[in-house]
Protein backbone atom coordinates (compact mmCIF):
# COMPACT_ATOMS: atom_id res chain seq x y z
CA MET A 1 -0.05 0.05 0.00
CA THR A 2 1.24 3.46 -0.82
CA LEU A 3 2.07 5.43 2.34
CA LEU A 4 1.48 9.10 1.87
CA ASN A 5 3.21 9.86 5.15
CA ALA A 6 6.37 8.24 3.73
CA LEU A 7 6.36 10.73 0.77
CA THR A 8 8.84 13.65 1.27
CA PHE A 9 9.41 16.90 -0.60
CA LYS A 10 13.06 15.75 -0.84
CA GLN A 11 11.98 12.86 -2.91
CA LEU A 12 9.91 14.99 -5.09
CA ARG A 13 12.66 17.62 -5.60
CA THR A 14 14.96 14.71 -6.51
CA LEU A 15 12.56 13.43 -9.09
CA ASP A 16 12.18 16.77 -10.60
CA ALA A 17 15.89 17.42 -10.62
CA VAL A 18 16.67 14.04 -12.45
CA LYS A 19 13.96 14.73 -14.97
CA ASP A 20 15.34 18.22 -15.74
CA SER A 21 19.08 17.25 -15.84
CA ARG A 22 18.58 13.73 -17.19
CA SER A 23 21.54 12.65 -15.13
CA LEU A 24 21.82 11.34 -11.48
CA SER A 25 25.19 13.08 -10.99
CA ALA A 26 23.97 16.42 -12.47
CA ALA A 27 20.88 16.22 -10.26
CA GLY A 28 23.03 15.49 -7.25
CA GLU A 29 25.12 18.65 -7.95
CA ASP A 30 21.89 20.85 -8.21
CA LEU A 31 20.72 19.35 -4.97
CA GLY A 32 23.90 19.12 -3.04
CA LEU A 33 23.73 15.39 -2.88
CA THR A 34 25.88 12.49 -4.15
CA ALA A 35 24.78 10.36 -7.08
CA PRO A 36 24.20 7.33 -4.77
CA ALA A 37 22.01 9.59 -2.44
CA VAL A 38 19.99 10.68 -5.48
CA HIS A 39 19.63 7.01 -6.40
CA SER A 40 18.50 6.22 -2.88
CA GLN A 41 15.78 8.92 -2.84
CA LEU A 42 14.46 7.62 -6.21
CA LYS A 43 14.52 4.01 -4.99
CA SER A 44 12.57 4.94 -1.77
CA LEU A 45 9.99 6.85 -3.85
CA GLU A 46 9.37 4.06 -6.37
CA GLU A 47 9.23 1.39 -3.62
CA ASN A 48 6.69 3.45 -1.76
CA PHE A 49 4.44 3.69 -4.85
CA GLY A 50 5.39 0.25 -6.25
CA THR A 51 6.08 1.54 -9.67
CA ARG A 52 8.72 3.19 -11.83
CA MET A 53 8.66 6.99 -11.79
CA LEU A 54 11.40 7.44 -14.57
CA TYR A 55 12.27 5.47 -17.72
CA ARG A 56 15.70 3.88 -17.35
CA ASP A 57 16.63 3.25 -21.06
CA GLY A 58 16.63 4.64 -24.47
CA PRO A 59 16.24 8.17 -25.81
CA ILE A 60 13.76 9.01 -23.06
CA LYS A 61 15.98 7.71 -20.14
CA PHE A 62 15.31 9.59 -17.01
CA GLN A 63 12.10 11.16 -18.38
CA PRO A 64 8.98 10.68 -16.17
CA THR A 65 6.58 7.74 -16.66
CA PRO A 66 2.93 8.54 -16.57
CA GLU A 67 3.04 7.84 -12.92
CA GLY A 68 6.03 10.01 -12.39
CA GLU A 69 4.41 12.87 -14.44
CA ALA A 70 1.21 12.68 -12.17
CA LEU A 71 3.45 12.95 -9.11
CA LEU A 72 5.48 15.92 -10.66
CA THR A 73 2.33 17.77 -11.55
CA ALA A 74 1.10 17.42 -7.89
CA HIS A 75 4.58 18.60 -6.69
CA ARG A 76 4.38 21.75 -8.90
CA LYS A 77 0.97 22.51 -7.55
CA CYS A 78 2.04 21.98 -3.97
CA ARG A 79 5.05 24.13 -4.46
CA ALA A 80 3.05 26.97 -5.99
CA ALA A 81 0.64 26.82 -3.08
CA LEU A 82 3.47 26.85 -0.54
CA GLU A 83 5.10 29.83 -2.29
CA ALA A 84 1.82 31.66 -2.09
CA ALA A 85 1.56 30.81 1.59
CA VAL A 86 5.07 32.13 2.28
CA LEU A 87 4.24 35.47 0.48
CA GLN A 88 0.97 35.65 2.51
CA ILE A 89 2.80 34.91 5.85
CA GLU A 90 5.34 37.52 5.00
CA GLY A 91 2.56 39.98 4.17
CA LEU A 92 0.79 39.24 7.41
CA ARG A 93 4.01 39.60 9.36
CA ARG A 94 4.79 42.93 7.87
CA GLY A 95 1.17 44.25 8.17
CA LEU A 96 0.53 44.33 4.32
CA THR A 97 -2.42 42.01 4.26
CA GLY A 98 -4.98 40.59 6.54
CA THR A 99 -8.45 41.61 7.94
CA VAL A 100 -9.21 44.47 10.43
CA ILE A 101 -12.60 45.11 11.91
CA LEU A 102 -12.92 48.80 12.71
CA GLY A 103 -15.63 49.97 14.98
CA VAL A 104 -16.65 53.64 14.98
CA VAL A 105 -19.27 55.35 17.28
CA SER A 106 -22.26 56.55 15.36
CA THR A 107 -21.06 60.18 15.57
CA GLY A 108 -18.09 59.19 13.57
CA LYS A 109 -20.14 57.87 10.60
CA TYR A 110 -19.82 61.26 8.94
CA PHE A 111 -16.10 60.74 8.33
CA ALA A 112 -15.71 56.97 8.83
CA PRO A 113 -16.40 56.01 5.06
CA GLN A 114 -13.89 58.53 3.80
CA LEU A 115 -11.32 57.27 6.25
CA VAL A 116 -11.78 53.65 5.25
CA ALA A 117 -11.59 54.61 1.51
CA SER A 118 -8.28 56.40 2.26
CA LEU A 119 -6.94 53.38 4.25
CA LYS A 120 -7.82 51.03 1.28
CA LYS A 121 -5.80 53.16 -0.97
CA SER A 122 -2.81 53.04 1.31
CA CYS A 123 -3.10 49.32 2.11
CA PRO A 124 -5.19 47.66 -0.68
CA GLU A 125 -4.40 44.17 0.39
CA ILE A 126 -5.87 44.69 3.92
CA GLU A 127 -9.65 44.04 4.16
CA ILE A 128 -11.15 46.72 6.46
CA ILE A 129 -14.69 45.89 7.86
CA LEU A 130 -16.51 48.96 9.25
CA LYS A 131 -18.97 48.70 12.09
CA ILE A 132 -21.06 51.49 13.36
CA GLY A 133 -22.78 51.67 16.70
CA ASN A 134 -23.22 53.87 19.86
CA ARG A 135 -20.61 54.08 22.59
CA GLN A 136 -22.09 51.28 24.69
CA GLU A 137 -22.20 48.93 21.74
CA MET A 138 -18.60 49.73 20.72
CA VAL A 139 -17.25 49.21 24.29
CA ALA A 140 -19.06 45.93 24.44
CA ALA A 141 -17.56 44.91 21.08
CA LEU A 142 -14.10 45.73 22.18
CA GLY A 143 -14.64 43.65 25.34
CA ASP A 144 -15.85 40.53 23.47
CA GLY A 145 -13.31 40.84 20.65
CA SER A 146 -15.89 41.25 17.89
CA ILE A 147 -14.01 44.41 16.60
CA ASP A 148 -10.23 44.84 16.54
CA LEU A 149 -9.91 48.69 16.74
CA ALA A 150 -12.43 51.33 17.79
CA ILE A 151 -12.67 55.08 17.22
CA MET A 152 -14.58 56.93 19.95
CA GLY A 153 -14.28 59.80 22.41
CA ARG A 154 -13.39 59.33 26.07
CA PRO A 155 -11.94 55.95 26.71
CA PRO A 156 -13.97 53.66 29.06
CA ARG A 157 -12.46 52.39 32.26
CA ALA A 158 -13.06 48.74 31.24
CA PRO A 159 -11.89 46.72 29.44
CA ALA A 160 -8.20 47.67 29.73
CA LEU A 161 -7.43 49.67 26.61
CA GLU A 162 -4.54 51.38 24.91
CA ALA A 163 -5.72 54.70 23.66
CA THR A 164 -4.08 57.02 21.08
CA LYS A 165 -5.36 60.54 20.39
CA ILE A 166 -6.16 61.04 16.74
CA GLY A 167 -7.80 64.41 16.60
CA ASP A 168 -9.83 67.12 18.41
CA HIS A 169 -13.62 66.59 18.77
CA PRO A 170 -15.51 69.78 19.64
CA HIS A 171 -19.21 69.66 20.71
CA VAL A 172 -21.52 72.61 20.15
CA LEU A 173 -24.93 73.72 21.21
CA ILE A 174 -27.11 74.12 18.11
CA ALA A 175 -30.27 75.96 17.41
CA PRO A 176 -32.24 77.11 14.29
CA PRO A 177 -31.09 80.51 13.04
CA ASP A 178 -34.32 82.27 14.18
CA HIS A 179 -34.13 80.84 17.71
CA PRO A 180 -34.31 83.38 20.63
CA LEU A 181 -31.00 82.28 21.95
CA ALA A 182 -29.34 83.04 18.65
CA LYS A 183 -30.27 86.74 19.12
CA LEU A 184 -29.01 87.17 22.75
CA GLU A 185 -25.69 88.85 23.34
CA THR A 186 -25.38 87.35 26.81
CA ILE A 187 -26.75 83.79 27.52
CA THR A 188 -27.16 82.48 31.01
CA ALA A 189 -27.67 78.94 32.25
CA ASP A 190 -31.37 79.70 32.92
CA ASP A 191 -31.72 80.82 29.23
CA ILE A 192 -30.43 77.38 28.05
CA LEU A 193 -32.32 75.23 30.58
CA GLY A 194 -35.45 77.11 29.88
CA GLN A 195 -35.48 75.45 26.36
CA THR A 196 -36.48 71.89 25.45
CA ILE A 197 -33.31 69.86 25.37
CA ILE A 198 -32.92 67.06 22.70
CA LEU A 199 -30.75 64.22 23.89
CA ARG A 200 -29.34 61.10 22.29
CA GLU A 201 -30.53 57.60 23.44
CA THR A 202 -29.11 55.77 26.50
CA GLY A 203 -25.65 54.30 25.74
CA SER A 204 -24.60 57.25 23.60
CA GLY A 205 -21.42 59.16 24.50
CA THR A 206 -22.90 62.34 23.40
CA ARG A 207 -25.85 61.86 25.78
CA ILE A 208 -23.45 61.26 28.69
CA MET A 209 -21.49 64.32 27.90
CA SER A 210 -24.62 66.40 27.40
CA LEU A 211 -26.13 65.43 30.75
CA ARG A 212 -22.94 66.31 32.60
CA PHE A 213 -22.75 69.70 30.97
CA PHE A 214 -26.43 70.58 31.74
CA ASP A 215 -26.16 69.22 35.27
CA ARG A 216 -23.05 71.35 35.76
CA ILE A 217 -24.42 74.60 34.66
CA GLY A 218 -27.86 73.89 36.08
CA GLU A 219 -26.73 72.70 39.53
CA GLY A 220 -29.80 70.40 39.73
CA HIS A 221 -32.14 72.57 37.75
CA THR A 222 -34.83 70.55 35.99
CA TYR A 223 -35.46 71.07 32.23
CA ASP A 224 -37.68 69.62 29.59
CA ARG A 225 -36.06 66.91 27.41
CA ILE A 226 -36.76 64.78 24.35
CA GLU A 227 -34.83 61.63 23.58
CA MET A 228 -33.82 60.62 19.95
CA GLU A 229 -31.76 57.78 18.62
CA SER A 230 -29.65 59.40 15.97
CA ASN A 231 -27.73 62.56 15.19
CA GLU A 232 -29.67 63.00 11.90
CA THR A 233 -32.97 62.87 13.76
CA ILE A 234 -31.65 65.39 16.30
CA LYS A 235 -30.41 67.82 13.56
CA GLN A 236 -33.74 67.74 11.68
CA SER A 237 -35.68 68.16 15.01
CA VAL A 238 -33.63 71.26 15.90
CA ILE A 239 -34.07 72.70 12.39
CA ALA A 240 -37.87 72.10 12.82
CA GLY A 241 -37.76 74.05 16.07
CA LEU A 242 -38.43 71.16 18.50
CA GLY A 243 -35.56 72.11 20.80
CA ILE A 244 -31.90 72.75 21.10
CA ALA A 245 -29.08 70.12 21.45
CA ILE A 246 -25.46 69.50 22.07
CA ILE A 247 -23.91 67.64 19.20
CA SER A 248 -20.51 66.92 17.63
CA ARG A 249 -19.52 69.71 15.33
CA HIS A 250 -18.28 67.07 12.94
CA THR A 251 -21.92 66.04 12.43
CA VAL A 252 -23.31 69.56 11.53
CA THR A 253 -20.55 70.99 9.37
CA GLU A 254 -22.80 71.35 6.23
CA GLU A 255 -25.83 72.61 8.30
CA LEU A 256 -23.72 75.33 9.88
CA LYS A 257 -22.13 76.43 6.57
CA SER A 258 -25.61 76.55 4.91
CA GLY A 259 -27.13 78.49 7.75
CA ARG A 260 -29.82 75.91 8.51
CA LEU A 261 -28.31 75.75 12.00
CA VAL A 262 -26.39 78.13 14.15
CA GLU A 263 -23.82 77.47 16.91
CA ILE A 264 -24.72 79.05 20.33
CA ASP A 265 -21.58 80.55 21.89
CA ALA A 266 -22.28 80.57 25.59
CA LEU A 267 -20.75 79.67 28.98
CA GLN A 268 -18.28 76.74 28.65
CA LEU A 269 -19.10 76.00 25.06
CA PRO A 270 -17.87 74.56 22.83
CA ILE A 271 -17.13 71.42 24.92
CA ARG A 272 -13.54 70.38 23.91
CA ARG A 273 -13.24 66.60 23.48
CA VAL A 274 -10.82 64.29 21.79
CA TRP A 275 -11.10 61.42 19.25
CA TYR A 276 -9.20 58.29 20.24
CA ILE A 277 -8.30 55.05 18.40
CA LEU A 278 -8.45 52.15 20.93
CA HIS A 279 -7.69 48.49 21.19
CA THR A 280 -7.75 46.18 24.15
CA GLU A 281 -4.44 45.55 25.93
CA ASP A 282 -4.88 41.74 26.00
CA HIS A 283 -5.64 41.59 22.25
CA ASP A 284 -2.44 40.71 20.42
CA MET A 285 -2.01 43.18 17.60
CA THR A 286 -1.66 41.61 14.20
CA GLY A 287 0.55 43.29 11.56
CA ALA A 288 -2.65 44.50 9.74
CA MET A 289 -4.08 46.01 13.00
CA ARG A 290 -0.79 47.81 13.46
CA THR A 291 -0.73 49.13 9.94
CA VAL A 292 -4.22 50.51 10.08
CA ARG A 293 -3.77 52.07 13.59
CA ASP A 294 -0.48 53.72 12.55
CA LEU A 295 -2.01 55.12 9.37
CA ILE A 296 -4.90 56.58 11.30
CA VAL A 297 -2.65 58.11 14.01
CA SER A 298 -0.21 59.54 11.34
CA ALA A 299 -3.16 61.29 9.56
CA ASN A 300 -3.34 63.72 12.48
CA GLY A 301 -7.01 64.23 12.13
CA SER A 302 -6.82 65.29 8.43
CA PHE A 303 -9.89 63.03 7.76
CA LEU A 304 -12.10 64.89 10.15
CA PRO A 305 -14.56 67.49 8.87
CA ASN A 306 -13.39 71.06 9.06
């Protein structure tokens, strides 16, 4: 019975070398073996398969038999597959290929697609999968390993993370251009808290930051509030006159430019925050992860809306 485990690449290389050189001694020189060692490799190979792999006489001496040709064809395919694997391993090691799952909080969806497009141009062999969710969802995804890297604001306390600043992230108080606050020269905390405040949903980082701001300036003052689940809905609601809101300036760039919204400059506004790129400390960084992270960091926030 043919024993596949007894088959070695050394035997296959020997068979290939003899076929090319048509000489045991010449094949031995190519392989760094003696002629008897070449003969021994061929003998073991043929005994394993129970058939001749090379012709021994005539004008086709040392050319492969049909059985030998079948084995050499398989050898060429195996070698090509292994060479491809070596290149892939080298690419993975150097961070030139692989897959990276990048999580971005929903506020970042206004620049994330452009960022991913830029990354793909810089490292086309790396597949970048973009996932969007609120802060709570992204923190959970980092914790369970379902994303590799995350872009968000203030890093959470758990899980243990390595955080690198990638750009400034101001938050502003927005109102429609005809809103009474837009006409006041001096704005007090009572002026702001006398309005209906529109907040993001539970789990949103913007909501957490907004509540802290209103609690700080109001010192426990109650105010009317409405909750909405996306920045887009909040923007349209403010434009429609349903209330005012604190929101990332990066999400309202176009509306501020066009005049559909105005930024209320008052008290401790805008709120200065920072964008970070994060990964868990116990998650071994692959080469692809390092490449993507380093490209994002080196961009110095150039991908953020002006």
